[in-house]
Amino acid sequence: MITTVLITSFIIVLVLVVYVKVGDLSRNFAEHHPEFGPYRERHGGCCGACPEETCQKHQDEKRG
């Protein structure tokens, strides 16, 4: 039972580390290859969860 918990915990931590590393590698690749365009975070702007009239990003775009 305890080995299952330890193995599962190790796998979860490993997946999180790999996720962060892949993000770092993709940002690094985009920095060294600007011909492919800028790196875009998955939720870099508005997440789409808020209505357009209350979204800070949309309000900033309307002002300027």
PDB file of N, CA and C in Angstrom:
ATOM      1  N   MET A   1       0.823  -1.188   0.000  1.00  0.00           N
ATOM      2  CA  MET A   1       0.000   0.000   0.000  1.00  0.00           C
ATOM      3  C   MET A   1       0.872   1.258   0.000  1.00  0.00           C
ATOM      4  N   ILE A   2       1.856   1.307   0.870  1.00  0.00           N
ATOM      5  CA  ILE A   2       2.712   2.486   0.954  1.00  0.00           C
ATOM      6  C   ILE A   2       3.552   2.650  -0.315  1.00  0.00           C
ATOM      7  N   THR A   3       3.938   1.539  -0.920  1.00  0.00           N
ATOM      8  CA  THR A   3       4.714   1.639  -2.157  1.00  0.00           C
ATOM      9  C   THR A   3       3.871   2.231  -3.282  1.00  0.00           C
ATOM     10  N   THR A   4       2.595   1.905  -3.308  1.00  0.00           N
ATOM     11  CA  THR A   4       1.706   2.479  -4.320  1.00  0.00           C
ATOM     12  C   THR A   4       1.600   3.996  -4.144  1.00  0.00           C
ATOM     13  N   VAL A   5       1.481   4.444  -2.920  1.00  0.00           N
ATOM     14  CA  VAL A   5       1.402   5.879  -2.644  1.00  0.00           C
ATOM     15  C   VAL A   5       2.701   6.571  -3.040  1.00  0.00           C
ATOM     16  N   LEU A   6       3.829   5.977  -2.717  1.00  0.00           N
ATOM     17  CA  LEU A   6       5.117   6.582  -3.065  1.00  0.00           C
ATOM     18  C   LEU A   6       5.336   6.616  -4.575  1.00  0.00           C
ATOM     19  N   ILE A   7       5.002   5.549  -5.240  1.00  0.00           N
ATOM     20  CA  ILE A   7       5.157   5.508  -6.700  1.00  0.00           C
ATOM     21  C   ILE A   7       4.246   6.536  -7.356  1.00  0.00           C
ATOM     22  N   THR A   8       3.011   6.613  -6.897  1.00  0.00           N
ATOM     23  CA  THR A   8       2.071   7.581  -7.459  1.00  0.00           C
ATOM     24  C   THR A   8       2.540   9.008  -7.212  1.00  0.00           C
ATOM     25  N   SER A   9       3.027   9.285  -6.017  1.00  0.00           N
ATOM     26  CA  SER A   9       3.541  10.623  -5.708  1.00  0.00           C
ATOM     27  C   SER A   9       4.737  10.965  -6.592  1.00  0.00           C
ATOM     28  N   PHE A  10       5.617  10.016  -6.787  1.00  0.00           N
ATOM     29  CA  PHE A  10       6.775  10.233  -7.650  1.00  0.00           C
ATOM     30  C   PHE A  10       6.345  10.520  -9.088  1.00  0.00           C
ATOM     31  N   ILE A  11       5.364   9.793  -9.576  1.00  0.00           N
ATOM     32  CA  ILE A  11       4.885   9.996 -10.948  1.00  0.00           C
ATOM     33  C   ILE A  11       4.258  11.378 -11.093  1.00  0.00           C
ATOM     34  N   ILE A  12       3.488  11.812 -10.108  1.00  0.00           N
ATOM     35  CA  ILE A  12       2.864  13.135 -10.177  1.00  0.00           C
ATOM     36  C   ILE A  12       3.923  14.229 -10.193  1.00  0.00           C
ATOM     37  N   VAL A  13       4.921  14.123  -9.333  1.00  0.00           N
ATOM     38  CA  VAL A  13       5.995  15.115  -9.305  1.00  0.00           C
ATOM     39  C   VAL A  13       6.771  15.087 -10.618  1.00  0.00           C
ATOM     40  N   LEU A  14       7.025  13.908 -11.145  1.00  0.00           N
ATOM     41  CA  LEU A  14       7.738  13.778 -12.409  1.00  0.00           C
ATOM     42  C   LEU A  14       6.963  14.437 -13.554  1.00  0.00           C
ATOM     43  N   VAL A  15       5.671  14.230 -13.596  1.00  0.00           N
ATOM     44  CA  VAL A  15       4.844  14.851 -14.646  1.00  0.00           C
ATOM     45  C   VAL A  15       4.888  16.371 -14.522  1.00  0.00           C
ATOM     46  N   LEU A  16       4.817  16.897 -13.324  1.00  0.00           N
ATOM     47  CA  LEU A  16       4.887  18.348 -13.137  1.00  0.00           C
ATOM     48  C   LEU A  16       6.238  18.914 -13.557  1.00  0.00           C
ATOM     49  N   VAL A  17       7.308  18.225 -13.231  1.00  0.00           N
ATOM     50  CA  VAL A  17       8.642  18.679 -13.625  1.00  0.00           C
ATOM     51  C   VAL A  17       8.786  18.658 -15.150  1.00  0.00           C
ATOM     52  N   VAL A  18       8.299  17.615 -15.774  1.00  0.00           N
ATOM     53  CA  VAL A  18       8.367  17.527 -17.242  1.00  0.00           C
ATOM     54  C   VAL A  18       7.531  18.639 -17.872  1.00  0.00           C
ATOM     55  N   TYR A  19       6.371  18.937 -17.311  1.00  0.00           N
ATOM     56  CA  TYR A  19       5.510  20.010 -17.824  1.00  0.00           C
ATOM     57  C   TYR A  19       6.233  21.361 -17.781  1.00  0.00           C
ATOM     58  N   VAL A  20       6.882  21.660 -16.672  1.00  0.00           N
ATOM     59  CA  VAL A  20       7.614  22.914 -16.545  1.00  0.00           C
ATOM     60  C   VAL A  20       8.803  22.942 -17.503  1.00  0.00           C
ATOM     61  N   LYS A  21       9.500  21.829 -17.624  1.00  0.00           N
ATOM     62  CA  LYS A  21      10.672  21.760 -18.510  1.00  0.00           C
ATOM     63  C   LYS A  21      10.278  21.957 -19.972  1.00  0.00           C
ATOM     64  N   VAL A  22       9.174  21.357 -20.385  1.00  0.00           N
ATOM     65  CA  VAL A  22       8.708  21.533 -21.769  1.00  0.00           C
ATOM     66  C   VAL A  22       8.345  22.993 -22.023  1.00  0.00           C
ATOM     67  N   GLY A  23       7.726  23.649 -21.052  1.00  0.00           N
ATOM     68  CA  GLY A  23       7.420  25.072 -21.197  1.00  0.00           C
ATOM     69  C   GLY A  23       8.686  25.902 -21.350  1.00  0.00           C
ATOM     70  N   ASP A  24       9.693  25.594 -20.539  1.00  0.00           N
ATOM     71  CA  ASP A  24      10.970  26.298 -20.655  1.00  0.00           C
ATOM     72  C   ASP A  24      11.629  26.060 -22.011  1.00  0.00           C
ATOM     73  N   LEU A  25      11.597  24.821 -22.459  1.00  0.00           N
ATOM     74  CA  LEU A  25      12.200  24.507 -23.766  1.00  0.00           C
ATOM     75  C   LEU A  25      11.471  25.217 -24.902  1.00  0.00           C
ATOM     76  N   SER A  26      10.161  25.295 -24.838  1.00  0.00           N
ATOM     77  CA  SER A  26       9.426  25.956 -25.916  1.00  0.00           C
ATOM     78  C   SER A  26       9.676  27.460 -25.903  1.00  0.00           C
ATOM     79  N   ARG A  27       9.771  28.079 -24.710  1.00  0.00           N
ATOM     80  CA  ARG A  27      10.107  29.500 -24.644  1.00  0.00           C
ATOM     81  C   ARG A  27      11.514  29.749 -25.179  1.00  0.00           C
ATOM     82  N   ASN A  28      12.440  28.884 -24.844  1.00  0.00           N
ATOM     83  CA  ASN A  28      13.816  29.003 -25.317  1.00  0.00           C
ATOM     84  C   ASN A  28      13.875  28.842 -26.838  1.00  0.00           C
ATOM     85  N   PHE A  29      13.128  27.884 -27.359  1.00  0.00           N
ATOM     86  CA  PHE A  29      13.104  27.676 -28.807  1.00  0.00           C
ATOM     87  C   PHE A  29      12.537  28.910 -29.511  1.00  0.00           C
ATOM     88  N   ALA A  30      11.455  29.472 -28.978  1.00  0.00           N
ATOM     89  CA  ALA A  30      10.851  30.659 -29.587  1.00  0.00           C
ATOM     90  C   ALA A  30      11.804  31.853 -29.524  1.00  0.00           C
ATOM     91  N   GLU A  31      12.581  31.942 -28.462  1.00  0.00           N
ATOM     92  CA  GLU A  31      13.532  33.039 -28.338  1.00  0.00           C
ATOM     93  C   GLU A  31      14.637  32.933 -29.378  1.00  0.00           C
ATOM     94  N   HIS A  32      15.079  31.733 -29.684  1.00  0.00           N
ATOM     95  CA  HIS A  32      16.171  31.533 -30.631  1.00  0.00           C
ATOM     96  C   HIS A  32      15.699  31.405 -32.084  1.00  0.00           C
ATOM     97  N   HIS A  33      14.392  31.288 -32.295  1.00  0.00           N
ATOM     98  CA  HIS A  33      13.844  31.169 -33.652  1.00  0.00           C
ATOM     99  C   HIS A  33      12.688  32.154 -33.829  1.00  0.00           C
ATOM    100  N   PRO A  34      12.992  33.449 -33.917  1.00  0.00           N
ATOM    101  CA  PRO A  34      11.917  34.455 -34.026  1.00  0.00           C
ATOM    102  C   PRO A  34      11.148  34.370 -35.346  1.00  0.00           C
ATOM    103  N   GLU A  35      11.682  33.666 -36.320  1.00  0.00           N
ATOM    104  CA  GLU A  35      10.989  33.564 -37.609  1.00  0.00           C
ATOM    105  C   GLU A  35       9.668  32.799 -37.504  1.00  0.00           C
ATOM    106  N   PHE A  36       9.478  32.052 -36.423  1.00  0.00           N
ATOM    107  CA  PHE A  36       8.230  31.314 -36.221  1.00  0.00           C
ATOM    108  C   PHE A  36       7.208  32.116 -35.434  1.00  0.00           C
ATOM    109  N   GLY A  37       7.533  33.344 -35.073  1.00  0.00           N
ATOM    110  CA  GLY A  37       6.609  34.191 -34.334  1.00  0.00           C
ATOM    111  C   GLY A  37       6.868  34.100 -32.838  1.00  0.00           C
ATOM    112  N   PRO A  38       6.196  34.959 -32.083  1.00  0.00           N
ATOM    113  CA  PRO A  38       6.422  34.991 -30.637  1.00  0.00           C
ATOM    114  C   PRO A  38       5.801  33.778 -29.943  1.00  0.00           C
ATOM    115  N   TYR A  39       6.360  33.451 -28.805  1.00  0.00           N
ATOM    116  CA  TYR A  39       5.812  32.360 -27.989  1.00  0.00           C
ATOM    117  C   TYR A  39       4.524  32.847 -27.346  1.00  0.00           C
ATOM    118  N   ARG A  40       3.478  32.066 -27.457  1.00  0.00           N
ATOM    119  CA  ARG A  40       2.199  32.448 -26.880  1.00  0.00           C
ATOM    120  C   ARG A  40       1.859  31.496 -25.738  1.00  0.00           C
ATOM    121  N   GLU A  41       1.679  32.059 -24.563  1.00  0.00           N
ATOM    122  CA  GLU A  41       1.241  31.257 -23.427  1.00  0.00           C
ATOM    123  C   GLU A  41      -0.177  30.778 -23.708  1.00  0.00           C
ATOM    124  N   ARG A  42      -0.515  29.672 -23.144  1.00  0.00           N
ATOM    125  CA  ARG A  42      -1.841  29.118 -23.384  1.00  0.00           C
ATOM    126  C   ARG A  42      -2.934  30.074 -22.912  1.00  0.00           C
ATOM    127  N   HIS A  43      -2.762  30.661 -21.759  1.00  0.00           N
ATOM    128  CA  HIS A  43      -3.712  31.641 -21.246  1.00  0.00           C
ATOM    129  C   HIS A  43      -2.992  32.963 -21.033  1.00  0.00           C
ATOM    130  N   GLY A  44      -2.309  33.414 -22.052  1.00  0.00           N
ATOM    131  CA  GLY A  44      -1.514  34.617 -21.922  1.00  0.00           C
ATOM    132  C   GLY A  44      -2.323  35.886 -21.811  1.00  0.00           C
ATOM    133  N   GLY A  45      -3.523  35.884 -22.320  1.00  0.00           N
ATOM    134  CA  GLY A  45      -4.367  37.067 -22.245  1.00  0.00           C
ATOM    135  C   GLY A  45      -5.613  36.740 -21.468  1.00  0.00           C
ATOM    136  N   CYS A  46      -6.704  37.105 -22.039  1.00  0.00           N
ATOM    137  CA  CYS A  46      -7.990  36.803 -21.404  1.00  0.00           C
ATOM    138  C   CYS A  46      -8.218  35.300 -21.477  1.00  0.00           C
ATOM    139  N   CYS A  47      -8.669  34.740 -20.384  1.00  0.00           N
ATOM    140  CA  CYS A  47      -8.849  33.288 -20.348  1.00  0.00           C
ATOM    141  C   CYS A  47     -10.160  32.863 -20.985  1.00  0.00           C
ATOM    142  N   GLY A  48     -11.037  33.814 -21.269  1.00  0.00           N
ATOM    143  CA  GLY A  48     -12.314  33.471 -21.864  1.00  0.00           C
ATOM    144  C   GLY A  48     -13.373  33.125 -20.842  1.00  0.00           C
ATOM    145  N   ALA A  49     -13.037  33.192 -19.557  1.00  0.00           N
ATOM    146  CA  ALA A  49     -13.989  32.830 -18.521  1.00  0.00           C
ATOM    147  C   ALA A  49     -14.832  34.020 -18.067  1.00  0.00           C
ATOM    148  N   CYS A  50     -14.445  35.214 -18.459  1.00  0.00           N
ATOM    149  CA  CYS A  50     -15.189  36.391 -18.015  1.00  0.00           C
ATOM    150  C   CYS A  50     -15.935  36.995 -19.201  1.00  0.00           C
ATOM    151  N   PRO A  51     -17.044  37.682 -18.930  1.00  0.00           N
ATOM    152  CA  PRO A  51     -17.747  38.367 -20.023  1.00  0.00           C
ATOM    153  C   PRO A  51     -16.873  39.473 -20.607  1.00  0.00           C
ATOM    154  N   GLU A  52     -17.085  39.765 -21.857  1.00  0.00           N
ATOM    155  CA  GLU A  52     -16.235  40.734 -22.551  1.00  0.00           C
ATOM    156  C   GLU A  52     -16.286  42.108 -21.896  1.00  0.00           C
ATOM    157  N   GLU A  53     -17.435  42.518 -21.390  1.00  0.00           N
ATOM    158  CA  GLU A  53     -17.548  43.862 -20.818  1.00  0.00           C
ATOM    159  C   GLU A  53     -16.823  44.006 -19.483  1.00  0.00           C
ATOM    160  N   THR A  54     -16.536  42.895 -18.791  1.00  0.00           N
ATOM    161  CA  THR A  54     -15.813  42.991 -17.519  1.00  0.00           C
ATOM    162  C   THR A  54     -14.356  42.580 -17.637  1.00  0.00           C
ATOM    163  N   CYS A  55     -13.925  42.125 -18.800  1.00  0.00           N
ATOM    164  CA  CYS A  55     -12.556  41.659 -18.991  1.00  0.00           C
ATOM    165  C   CYS A  55     -11.611  42.853 -19.078  1.00  0.00           C
ATOM    166  N   GLN A  56     -10.577  42.835 -18.259  1.00  0.00           N
ATOM    167  CA  GLN A  56      -9.611  43.934 -18.233  1.00  0.00           C
ATOM    168  C   GLN A  56      -8.907  44.075 -19.576  1.00  0.00           C
ATOM    169  N   LYS A  57      -8.605  42.978 -20.231  1.00  0.00           N
ATOM    170  CA  LYS A  57      -7.912  43.027 -21.514  1.00  0.00           C
ATOM    171  C   LYS A  57      -8.762  43.735 -22.558  1.00  0.00           C
ATOM    172  N   HIS A  58     -10.054  43.415 -22.625  1.00  0.00           N
ATOM    173  CA  HIS A  58     -10.927  44.050 -23.604  1.00  0.00           C
ATOM    174  C   HIS A  58     -11.121  45.534 -23.295  1.00  0.00           C
ATOM    175  N   GLN A  59     -11.171  45.901 -22.018  1.00  0.00           N
ATOM    176  CA  GLN A  59     -11.308  47.314 -21.654  1.00  0.00           C
ATOM    177  C   GLN A  59     -10.068  48.084 -22.067  1.00  0.00           C
ATOM    178  N   ASP A  60      -8.887  47.491 -21.901  1.00  0.00           N
ATOM    179  CA  ASP A  60      -7.646  48.153 -22.299  1.00  0.00           C
ATOM    180  C   ASP A  60      -7.574  48.317 -23.819  1.00  0.00           C
ATOM    181  N   GLU A  61      -8.059  47.328 -24.570  1.00  0.00           N
ATOM    182  CA  GLU A  61      -8.041  47.417 -26.033  1.00  0.00           C
ATOM    183  C   GLU A  61      -8.975  48.494 -26.533  1.00  0.00           C
ATOM    184  N   LYS A  62     -10.108  48.680 -25.864  1.00  0.00           N
ATOM    185  CA  LYS A  62     -11.062  49.704 -26.284  1.00  0.00           C
ATOM    186  C   LYS A  62     -10.527  51.110 -26.012  1.00  0.00           C
ATOM    187  N   ARG A  63      -9.752  51.273 -24.926  1.00  0.00           N
ATOM    188  CA  ARG A  63      -9.205  52.588 -24.575  1.00  0.00           C
ATOM    189  C   ARG A  63      -8.070  53.005 -25.499  1.00  0.00           C
ATOM    190  N   GLY A  64      -7.267  52.049 -25.904  1.00  0.00           N
ATOM    191  CA  GLY A  64      -6.058  52.439 -26.637  1.00  0.00           C
ATOM    192  C   GLY A  64      -5.918  51.707 -27.853  1.00  0.00           C
TER     193      GLY A  64
END
